[in-house]
Amino acid sequence: MIEITKFKPLDKNTLKGFLTVRLTHVGLEIRDIAVQEKNGKRWLNMPSRSYTDSNGKQSYSYVLDFFDEEKKNLFQREVLRMLDGGDHGTKSQS
């Protein structure tokens, strides 16, 4: 099951807020999932950390991410559906 336990709205450029999501069937809680939106399209960015690349540019590296694109898309659709429904603290069977 998937459960959104926290949503902190933040409107800064494409960033719309941060989520905490629990995957109860594996006992995993993922904090600081970024909700992004641009040109009518929304997506989730998994937690990441910043670093400076060899050219001095700030870049980001995911702390964790999906290796299966289909499961990533399913997770993203379900979490965004729950967020739209105000389902903070409720569970999905996905």
PDB file of N, CA and C in Angstrom:
ATOM      1  N   MET A   1       0.828  -1.179   0.000  1.00  0.00           N
ATOM      2  CA  MET A   1       0.000   0.000   0.000  1.00  0.00           C
ATOM      3  C   MET A   1       0.879   1.251   0.000  1.00  0.00           C
ATOM      4  N   ILE A   2       0.327   2.315  -0.536  1.00  0.00           N
ATOM      5  CA  ILE A   2       0.976   3.621  -0.545  1.00  0.00           C
ATOM      6  C   ILE A   2       0.166   4.546   0.358  1.00  0.00           C
ATOM      7  N   GLU A   3       0.869   5.339   1.153  1.00  0.00           N
ATOM      8  CA  GLU A   3       0.216   6.285   2.044  1.00  0.00           C
ATOM      9  C   GLU A   3       0.982   7.604   2.016  1.00  0.00           C
ATOM     10  N   ILE A   4       0.291   8.710   1.758  1.00  0.00           N
ATOM     11  CA  ILE A   4       0.896  10.031   1.894  1.00  0.00           C
ATOM     12  C   ILE A   4       0.707  10.449   3.343  1.00  0.00           C
ATOM     13  N   THR A   5       1.804  10.633   4.060  1.00  0.00           N
ATOM     14  CA  THR A   5       1.700  11.000   5.470  1.00  0.00           C
ATOM     15  C   THR A   5       1.898  12.491   5.695  1.00  0.00           C
ATOM     16  N   LYS A   6       2.472  13.176   4.705  1.00  0.00           N
ATOM     17  CA  LYS A   6       2.725  14.603   4.878  1.00  0.00           C
ATOM     18  C   LYS A   6       2.854  15.273   3.519  1.00  0.00           C
ATOM     19  N   PHE A   7       2.288  16.472   3.405  1.00  0.00           N
ATOM     20  CA  PHE A   7       2.504  17.320   2.233  1.00  0.00           C
ATOM     21  C   PHE A   7       2.754  18.731   2.708  1.00  0.00           C
ATOM     22  N   LYS A   8       3.884  19.286   2.295  1.00  0.00           N
ATOM     23  CA  LYS A   8       4.231  20.659   2.646  1.00  0.00           C
ATOM     24  C   LYS A   8       4.237  21.481   1.363  1.00  0.00           C
ATOM     25  N   PRO A   9       3.208  22.314   1.137  1.00  0.00           N
ATOM     26  CA  PRO A   9       3.159  23.130  -0.073  1.00  0.00           C
ATOM     27  C   PRO A   9       4.306  24.146  -0.097  1.00  0.00           C
ATOM     28  N   LEU A  10       4.832  24.388  -1.278  1.00  0.00           N
ATOM     29  CA  LEU A  10       5.868  25.383  -1.490  1.00  0.00           C
ATOM     30  C   LEU A  10       5.821  25.769  -2.960  1.00  0.00           C
ATOM     31  N   ASP A  11       5.572  27.031  -3.238  1.00  0.00           N
ATOM     32  CA  ASP A  11       5.446  27.473  -4.628  1.00  0.00           C
ATOM     33  C   ASP A  11       6.671  28.293  -5.004  1.00  0.00           C
ATOM     34  N   LYS A  12       7.649  27.636  -5.635  1.00  0.00           N
ATOM     35  CA  LYS A  12       8.897  28.282  -6.032  1.00  0.00           C
ATOM     36  C   LYS A  12       9.312  27.744  -7.396  1.00  0.00           C
ATOM     37  N   ASN A  13       9.140  28.564  -8.422  1.00  0.00           N
ATOM     38  CA  ASN A  13       9.397  28.146  -9.798  1.00  0.00           C
ATOM     39  C   ASN A  13       8.542  26.912 -10.115  1.00  0.00           C
ATOM     40  N   THR A  14       9.158  25.811 -10.513  1.00  0.00           N
ATOM     41  CA  THR A  14       8.378  24.605 -10.831  1.00  0.00           C
ATOM     42  C   THR A  14       8.024  23.789  -9.590  1.00  0.00           C
ATOM     43  N   LEU A  15       8.673  24.065  -8.481  1.00  0.00           N
ATOM     44  CA  LEU A  15       8.447  23.314  -7.245  1.00  0.00           C
ATOM     45  C   LEU A  15       7.118  23.709  -6.607  1.00  0.00           C
ATOM     46  N   LYS A  16       6.291  22.705  -6.317  1.00  0.00           N
ATOM     47  CA  LYS A  16       4.975  22.944  -5.716  1.00  0.00           C
ATOM     48  C   LYS A  16       4.864  22.411  -4.296  1.00  0.00           C
ATOM     49  N   GLY A  17       5.856  21.658  -3.855  1.00  0.00           N
ATOM     50  CA  GLY A  17       5.828  21.168  -2.485  1.00  0.00           C
ATOM     51  C   GLY A  17       6.635  19.897  -2.315  1.00  0.00           C
ATOM     52  N   PHE A  18       6.618  19.398  -1.079  1.00  0.00           N
ATOM     53  CA  PHE A  18       7.334  18.174  -0.730  1.00  0.00           C
ATOM     54  C   PHE A  18       6.389  17.188  -0.048  1.00  0.00           C
ATOM     55  N   LEU A  19       6.579  15.916  -0.355  1.00  0.00           N
ATOM     56  CA  LEU A  19       5.759  14.832   0.185  1.00  0.00           C
ATOM     57  C   LEU A  19       6.583  13.883   1.040  1.00  0.00           C
ATOM     58  N   THR A  20       5.906  13.259   1.986  1.00  0.00           N
ATOM     59  CA  THR A  20       6.421  12.063   2.647  1.00  0.00           C
ATOM     60  C   THR A  20       5.444  10.948   2.298  1.00  0.00           C
ATOM     61  N   VAL A  21       5.973   9.853   1.771  1.00  0.00           N
ATOM     62  CA  VAL A  21       5.154   8.736   1.319  1.00  0.00           C
ATOM     63  C   VAL A  21       5.640   7.455   1.998  1.00  0.00           C
ATOM     64  N   ARG A  22       4.698   6.659   2.468  1.00  0.00           N
ATOM     65  CA  ARG A  22       5.031   5.347   3.037  1.00  0.00           C
ATOM     66  C   ARG A  22       4.617   4.249   2.071  1.00  0.00           C
ATOM     67  N   LEU A  23       5.509   3.317   1.865  1.00  0.00           N
ATOM     68  CA  LEU A  23       5.212   2.076   1.151  1.00  0.00           C
ATOM     69  C   LEU A  23       5.077   1.021   2.238  1.00  0.00           C
ATOM     70  N   THR A  24       3.854   0.870   2.724  1.00  0.00           N
ATOM     71  CA  THR A  24       3.634   0.068   3.927  1.00  0.00           C
ATOM     72  C   THR A  24       3.964  -1.407   3.737  1.00  0.00           C
ATOM     73  N   HIS A  25       3.822  -1.926   2.530  1.00  0.00           N
ATOM     74  CA  HIS A  25       4.083  -3.353   2.290  1.00  0.00           C
ATOM     75  C   HIS A  25       5.566  -3.699   2.371  1.00  0.00           C
ATOM     76  N   VAL A  26       6.453  -2.705   2.267  1.00  0.00           N
ATOM     77  CA  VAL A  26       7.886  -2.973   2.418  1.00  0.00           C
ATOM     78  C   VAL A  26       8.475  -2.273   3.642  1.00  0.00           C
ATOM     79  N   GLY A  27       7.641  -1.516   4.363  1.00  0.00           N
ATOM     80  CA  GLY A  27       8.114  -0.846   5.562  1.00  0.00           C
ATOM     81  C   GLY A  27       9.053   0.317   5.287  1.00  0.00           C
ATOM     82  N   LEU A  28       8.830   1.018   4.176  1.00  0.00           N
ATOM     83  CA  LEU A  28       9.717   2.094   3.761  1.00  0.00           C
ATOM     84  C   LEU A  28       8.981   3.422   3.761  1.00  0.00           C
ATOM     85  N   GLU A  29       9.604   4.446   4.330  1.00  0.00           N
ATOM     86  CA  GLU A  29       9.070   5.803   4.267  1.00  0.00           C
ATOM     87  C   GLU A  29      10.054   6.650   3.472  1.00  0.00           C
ATOM     88  N   ILE A  30       9.546   7.358   2.464  1.00  0.00           N
ATOM     89  CA  ILE A  30      10.377   8.204   1.609  1.00  0.00           C
ATOM     90  C   ILE A  30      10.001   9.649   1.895  1.00  0.00           C
ATOM     91  N   ARG A  31      10.968  10.406   2.369  1.00  0.00           N
ATOM     92  CA  ARG A  31      10.741  11.811   2.710  1.00  0.00           C
ATOM     93  C   ARG A  31      11.310  12.718   1.623  1.00  0.00           C
ATOM     94  N   ASP A  32      10.765  13.915   1.541  1.00  0.00           N
ATOM     95  CA  ASP A  32      11.268  14.957   0.636  1.00  0.00           C
ATOM     96  C   ASP A  32      11.151  14.601  -0.839  1.00  0.00           C
ATOM     97  N   ILE A  33      10.035  14.009  -1.217  1.00  0.00           N
ATOM     98  CA  ILE A  33       9.734  13.822  -2.636  1.00  0.00           C
ATOM     99  C   ILE A  33       9.198  15.159  -3.143  1.00  0.00           C
ATOM    100  N   ALA A  34       9.846  15.711  -4.155  1.00  0.00           N
ATOM    101  CA  ALA A  34       9.443  17.018  -4.681  1.00  0.00           C
ATOM    102  C   ALA A  34       8.315  16.863  -5.694  1.00  0.00           C
ATOM    103  N   VAL A  35       7.288  17.695  -5.559  1.00  0.00           N
ATOM    104  CA  VAL A  35       6.200  17.766  -6.538  1.00  0.00           C
ATOM    105  C   VAL A  35       6.518  18.947  -7.449  1.00  0.00           C
ATOM    106  N   GLN A  36       6.642  18.676  -8.754  1.00  0.00           N
ATOM    107  CA  GLN A  36       7.013  19.691  -9.739  1.00  0.00           C
ATOM    108  C   GLN A  36       5.876  19.888 -10.731  1.00  0.00           C
ATOM    109  N   GLU A  37       5.783  21.102 -11.280  1.00  0.00           N
ATOM    110  CA  GLU A  37       4.780  21.371 -12.317  1.00  0.00           C
ATOM    111  C   GLU A  37       5.318  22.443 -13.262  1.00  0.00           C
ATOM    112  N   LYS A  38       5.134  22.181 -14.569  1.00  0.00           N
ATOM    113  CA  LYS A  38       5.529  23.156 -15.588  1.00  0.00           C
ATOM    114  C   LYS A  38       4.689  22.920 -16.835  1.00  0.00           C
ATOM    115  N   ASN A  39       4.159  24.003 -17.381  1.00  0.00           N
ATOM    116  CA  ASN A  39       3.365  23.935 -18.618  1.00  0.00           C
ATOM    117  C   ASN A  39       2.237  22.907 -18.533  1.00  0.00           C
ATOM    118  N   GLY A  40       1.579  22.835 -17.381  1.00  0.00           N
ATOM    119  CA  GLY A  40       0.453  21.926 -17.206  1.00  0.00           C
ATOM    120  C   GLY A  40       0.830  20.478 -16.959  1.00  0.00           C
ATOM    121  N   LYS A  41       2.114  20.177 -16.874  1.00  0.00           N
ATOM    122  CA  LYS A  41       2.564  18.801 -16.622  1.00  0.00           C
ATOM    123  C   LYS A  41       3.145  18.721 -15.211  1.00  0.00           C
ATOM    124  N   ARG A  42       2.758  17.661 -14.479  1.00  0.00           N
ATOM    125  CA  ARG A  42       3.261  17.452 -13.120  1.00  0.00           C
ATOM    126  C   ARG A  42       4.047  16.163 -13.047  1.00  0.00           C
ATOM    127  N   TRP A  43       5.019  16.147 -12.153  1.00  0.00           N
ATOM    128  CA  TRP A  43       5.829  14.958 -11.938  1.00  0.00           C
ATOM    129  C   TRP A  43       6.428  15.009 -10.543  1.00  0.00           C
ATOM    130  N   LEU A  44       6.958  13.874 -10.125  1.00  0.00           N
ATOM    131  CA  LEU A  44       7.628  13.756  -8.834  1.00  0.00           C
ATOM    132  C   LEU A  44       9.117  13.593  -9.053  1.00  0.00           C
ATOM    133  N   ASN A  45       9.904  14.215  -8.207  1.00  0.00           N
ATOM    134  CA  ASN A  45      11.343  13.976  -8.166  1.00  0.00           C
ATOM    135  C   ASN A  45      11.661  13.333  -6.828  1.00  0.00           C
ATOM    136  N   MET A  46      12.324  12.207  -6.889  1.00  0.00           N
ATOM    137  CA  MET A  46      12.707  11.518  -5.670  1.00  0.00           C
ATOM    138  C   MET A  46      13.751  12.343  -4.929  1.00  0.00           C
ATOM    139  N   PRO A  47      13.970  12.057  -3.637  1.00  0.00           N
ATOM    140  CA  PRO A  47      14.946  12.827  -2.855  1.00  0.00           C
ATOM    141  C   PRO A  47      16.316  12.828  -3.534  1.00  0.00           C
ATOM    142  N   SER A  48      16.979  13.976  -3.456  1.00  0.00           N
ATOM    143  CA  SER A  48      18.286  14.109  -4.095  1.00  0.00           C
ATOM    144  C   SER A  48      19.199  14.959  -3.225  1.00  0.00           C
ATOM    145  N   ARG A  49      20.471  14.931  -3.566  1.00  0.00           N
ATOM    146  CA  ARG A  49      21.432  15.797  -2.881  1.00  0.00           C
ATOM    147  C   ARG A  49      22.191  16.590  -3.931  1.00  0.00           C
ATOM    148  N   SER A  50      22.616  17.747  -3.555  1.00  0.00           N
ATOM    149  CA  SER A  50      23.318  18.603  -4.500  1.00  0.00           C
ATOM    150  C   SER A  50      24.822  18.347  -4.428  1.00  0.00           C
ATOM    151  N   TYR A  51      25.473  18.633  -5.535  1.00  0.00           N
ATOM    152  CA  TYR A  51      26.933  18.557  -5.601  1.00  0.00           C
ATOM    153  C   TYR A  51      27.395  19.528  -6.685  1.00  0.00           C
ATOM    154  N   THR A  52      28.658  19.858  -6.658  1.00  0.00           N
ATOM    155  CA  THR A  52      29.246  20.727  -7.671  1.00  0.00           C
ATOM    156  C   THR A  52      30.025  19.858  -8.644  1.00  0.00           C
ATOM    157  N   ASP A  53      29.682  19.955  -9.941  1.00  0.00           N
ATOM    158  CA  ASP A  53      30.362  19.130 -10.935  1.00  0.00           C
ATOM    159  C   ASP A  53      31.736  19.719 -11.266  1.00  0.00           C
ATOM    160  N   SER A  54      32.455  19.067 -12.154  1.00  0.00           N
ATOM    161  CA  SER A  54      33.825  19.465 -12.483  1.00  0.00           C
ATOM    162  C   SER A  54      33.911  20.833 -13.159  1.00  0.00           C
ATOM    163  N   ASN A  55      32.788  21.332 -13.679  1.00  0.00           N
ATOM    164  CA  ASN A  55      32.753  22.664 -14.294  1.00  0.00           C
ATOM    165  C   ASN A  55      32.290  23.743 -13.318  1.00  0.00           C
ATOM    166  N   GLY A  56      32.109  23.377 -12.049  1.00  0.00           N
ATOM    167  CA  GLY A  56      31.676  24.336 -11.046  1.00  0.00           C
ATOM    168  C   GLY A  56      30.172  24.561 -11.006  1.00  0.00           C
ATOM    169  N   LYS A  57      29.426  23.772 -11.767  1.00  0.00           N
ATOM    170  CA  LYS A  57      27.971  23.917 -11.822  1.00  0.00           C
ATOM    171  C   LYS A  57      27.316  23.036 -10.755  1.00  0.00           C
ATOM    172  N   GLN A  58      26.267  23.590 -10.113  1.00  0.00           N
ATOM    173  CA  GLN A  58      25.534  22.799  -9.124  1.00  0.00           C
ATOM    174  C   GLN A  58      24.635  21.802  -9.853  1.00  0.00           C
ATOM    175  N   SER A  59      24.738  20.559  -9.459  1.00  0.00           N
ATOM    176  CA  SER A  59      23.914  19.488 -10.026  1.00  0.00           C
ATOM    177  C   SER A  59      23.301  18.698  -8.883  1.00  0.00           C
ATOM    178  N   TYR A  60      22.427  17.758  -9.248  1.00  0.00           N
ATOM    179  CA  TYR A  60      21.739  16.945  -8.244  1.00  0.00           C
ATOM    180  C   TYR A  60      21.849  15.473  -8.601  1.00  0.00           C
ATOM    181  N   SER A  61      21.926  14.663  -7.580  1.00  0.00           N
ATOM    182  CA  SER A  61      21.983  13.213  -7.735  1.00  0.00           C
ATOM    183  C   SER A  61      20.900  12.602  -6.857  1.00  0.00           C
ATOM    184  N   TYR A  62      20.088  11.700  -7.445  1.00  0.00           N
ATOM    185  CA  TYR A  62      19.030  11.061  -6.661  1.00  0.00           C
ATOM    186  C   TYR A  62      19.620  10.183  -5.567  1.00  0.00           C
ATOM    187  N   VAL A  63      19.019  10.259  -4.389  1.00  0.00           N
ATOM    188  CA  VAL A  63      19.403   9.398  -3.277  1.00  0.00           C
ATOM    189  C   VAL A  63      18.851   7.997  -3.519  1.00  0.00           C
ATOM    190  N   LEU A  64      17.631   7.939  -4.061  1.00  0.00           N
ATOM    191  CA  LEU A  64      17.039   6.676  -4.490  1.00  0.00           C
ATOM    192  C   LEU A  64      16.128   6.958  -5.666  1.00  0.00           C
ATOM    193  N   ASP A  65      15.946   5.951  -6.499  1.00  0.00           N
ATOM    194  CA  ASP A  65      15.109   6.118  -7.684  1.00  0.00           C
ATOM    195  C   ASP A  65      14.653   4.745  -8.162  1.00  0.00           C
ATOM    196  N   PHE A  66      13.650   4.738  -9.005  1.00  0.00           N
ATOM    197  CA  PHE A  66      13.144   3.506  -9.603  1.00  0.00           C
ATOM    198  C   PHE A  66      14.047   3.090 -10.765  1.00  0.00           C
ATOM    199  N   PHE A  67      14.329   1.802 -10.869  1.00  0.00           N
ATOM    200  CA  PHE A  67      15.042   1.303 -12.044  1.00  0.00           C
ATOM    201  C   PHE A  67      14.070   0.746 -13.078  1.00  0.00           C
ATOM    202  N   ASP A  68      12.802   0.593 -12.697  1.00  0.00           N
ATOM    203  CA  ASP A  68      11.763   0.098 -13.587  1.00  0.00           C
ATOM    204  C   ASP A  68      10.845   1.271 -13.947  1.00  0.00           C
ATOM    205  N   GLU A  69      10.914   1.738 -15.185  1.00  0.00           N
ATOM    206  CA  GLU A  69      10.167   2.920 -15.626  1.00  0.00           C
ATOM    207  C   GLU A  69       8.660   2.733 -15.488  1.00  0.00           C
ATOM    208  N   GLU A  70       8.158   1.546 -15.766  1.00  0.00           N
ATOM    209  CA  GLU A  70       6.719   1.284 -15.646  1.00  0.00           C
ATOM    210  C   GLU A  70       6.254   1.429 -14.198  1.00  0.00           C
ATOM    211  N   LYS A  71       7.023   0.890 -13.266  1.00  0.00           N
ATOM    212  CA  LYS A  71       6.656   1.004 -11.846  1.00  0.00           C
ATOM    213  C   LYS A  71       6.814   2.438 -11.349  1.00  0.00           C
ATOM    214  N   LYS A  72       7.793   3.133 -11.876  1.00  0.00           N
ATOM    215  CA  LYS A  72       7.961   4.555 -11.529  1.00  0.00           C
ATOM    216  C   LYS A  72       6.735   5.354 -11.967  1.00  0.00           C
ATOM    217  N   ASN A  73       6.274   5.130 -13.185  1.00  0.00           N
ATOM    218  CA  ASN A  73       5.100   5.839 -13.697  1.00  0.00           C
ATOM    219  C   ASN A  73       3.846   5.493 -12.901  1.00  0.00           C
ATOM    220  N   LEU A  74       3.684   4.230 -12.548  1.00  0.00           N
ATOM    221  CA  LEU A  74       2.542   3.810 -11.740  1.00  0.00           C
ATOM    222  C   LEU A  74       2.561   4.496 -10.369  1.00  0.00           C
ATOM    223  N   PHE A  75       3.720   4.497  -9.726  1.00  0.00           N
ATOM    224  CA  PHE A  75       3.878   5.150  -8.432  1.00  0.00           C
ATOM    225  C   PHE A  75       3.534   6.643  -8.541  1.00  0.00           C
ATOM    226  N   GLN A  76       4.078   7.289  -9.546  1.00  0.00           N
ATOM    227  CA  GLN A  76       3.849   8.718  -9.736  1.00  0.00           C
ATOM    228  C   GLN A  76       2.372   9.032  -9.966  1.00  0.00           C
ATOM    229  N   ARG A  77       1.721   8.260 -10.842  1.00  0.00           N
ATOM    230  CA  ARG A  77       0.293   8.481 -11.111  1.00  0.00           C
ATOM    231  C   ARG A  77      -0.536   8.312  -9.843  1.00  0.00           C
ATOM    232  N   GLU A  78      -0.246   7.262  -9.088  1.00  0.00           N
ATOM    233  CA  GLU A  78      -1.026   6.974  -7.887  1.00  0.00           C
ATOM    234  C   GLU A  78      -0.828   8.040  -6.820  1.00  0.00           C
ATOM    235  N   VAL A  79       0.403   8.457  -6.600  1.00  0.00           N
ATOM    236  CA  VAL A  79       0.674   9.475  -5.584  1.00  0.00           C
ATOM    237  C   VAL A  79       0.044  10.810  -5.981  1.00  0.00           C
ATOM    238  N   LEU A  80       0.160  11.201  -7.244  1.00  0.00           N
ATOM    239  CA  LEU A  80      -0.452  12.453  -7.684  1.00  0.00           C
ATOM    240  C   LEU A  80      -1.971  12.388  -7.607  1.00  0.00           C
ATOM    241  N   ARG A  81      -2.556  11.218  -7.905  1.00  0.00           N
ATOM    242  CA  ARG A  81      -4.012  11.044  -7.773  1.00  0.00           C
ATOM    243  C   ARG A  81      -4.432  11.218  -6.312  1.00  0.00           C
ATOM    244  N   MET A  82      -3.679  10.619  -5.413  1.00  0.00           N
ATOM    245  CA  MET A  82      -3.991  10.741  -3.987  1.00  0.00           C
ATOM    246  C   MET A  82      -3.830  12.186  -3.519  1.00  0.00           C
ATOM    247  N   LEU A  83      -2.793  12.850  -3.981  1.00  0.00           N
ATOM    248  CA  LEU A  83      -2.568  14.245  -3.607  1.00  0.00           C
ATOM    249  C   LEU A  83      -3.711  15.131  -4.101  1.00  0.00           C
ATOM    250  N   ASP A  84      -4.154  14.911  -5.337  1.00  0.00           N
ATOM    251  CA  ASP A  84      -5.273  15.682  -5.897  1.00  0.00           C
ATOM    252  C   ASP A  84      -6.553  15.475  -5.096  1.00  0.00           C
ATOM    253  N   GLY A  85      -6.729  14.264  -4.578  1.00  0.00           N
ATOM    254  CA  GLY A  85      -7.930  13.949  -3.809  1.00  0.00           C
ATOM    255  C   GLY A  85      -7.843  14.369  -2.354  1.00  0.00           C
ATOM    256  N   GLY A  86      -6.725  14.979  -1.987  1.00  0.00           N
ATOM    257  CA  GLY A  86      -6.559  15.379  -0.585  1.00  0.00           C
ATOM    258  C   GLY A  86      -6.366  14.205   0.335  1.00  0.00           C
ATOM    259  N   ASP A  87      -5.876  13.088  -0.227  1.00  0.00           N
ATOM    260  CA  ASP A  87      -5.740  11.846   0.546  1.00  0.00           C
ATOM    261  C   ASP A  87      -4.455  11.818   1.368  1.00  0.00           C
ATOM    262  N   HIS A  88      -4.219  12.807   2.167  1.00  0.00           N
ATOM    263  CA  HIS A  88      -3.045  12.836   3.018  1.00  0.00           C
ATOM    264  C   HIS A  88      -3.377  12.032   4.265  1.00  0.00           C
ATOM    265  N   GLY A  89      -2.635  10.980   4.485  1.00  0.00           N
ATOM    266  CA  GLY A  89      -2.908  10.131   5.632  1.00  0.00           C
ATOM    267  C   GLY A  89      -3.818   8.960   5.308  1.00  0.00           C
ATOM    268  N   THR A  90      -4.207   8.821   4.041  1.00  0.00           N
ATOM    269  CA  THR A  90      -5.008   7.665   3.650  1.00  0.00           C
ATOM    270  C   THR A  90      -4.146   6.737   2.817  1.00  0.00           C
ATOM    271  N   LYS A  91      -4.660   5.562   2.548  1.00  0.00           N
ATOM    272  CA  LYS A  91      -3.866   4.519   1.906  1.00  0.00           C
ATOM    273  C   LYS A  91      -4.445   4.124   0.565  1.00  0.00           C
ATOM    274  N   SER A  92      -3.550   3.710  -0.319  1.00  0.00           N
ATOM    275  CA  SER A  92      -3.930   3.161  -1.619  1.00  0.00           C
ATOM    276  C   SER A  92      -3.469   1.712  -1.657  1.00  0.00           C
ATOM    277  N   GLN A  93      -4.169   0.872  -2.385  1.00  0.00           N
ATOM    278  CA  GLN A  93      -3.803  -0.541  -2.485  1.00  0.00           C
ATOM    279  C   GLN A  93      -2.667  -0.795  -3.465  1.00  0.00           C
ATOM    280  N   SER A  94      -2.181   0.226  -4.178  1.00  0.00           N
ATOM    281  CA  SER A  94      -1.100   0.048  -5.173  1.00  0.00           C
ATOM    282  C   SER A  94       0.188  -0.369  -4.524  1.00  0.00           C
TER     283      SER A  94
END
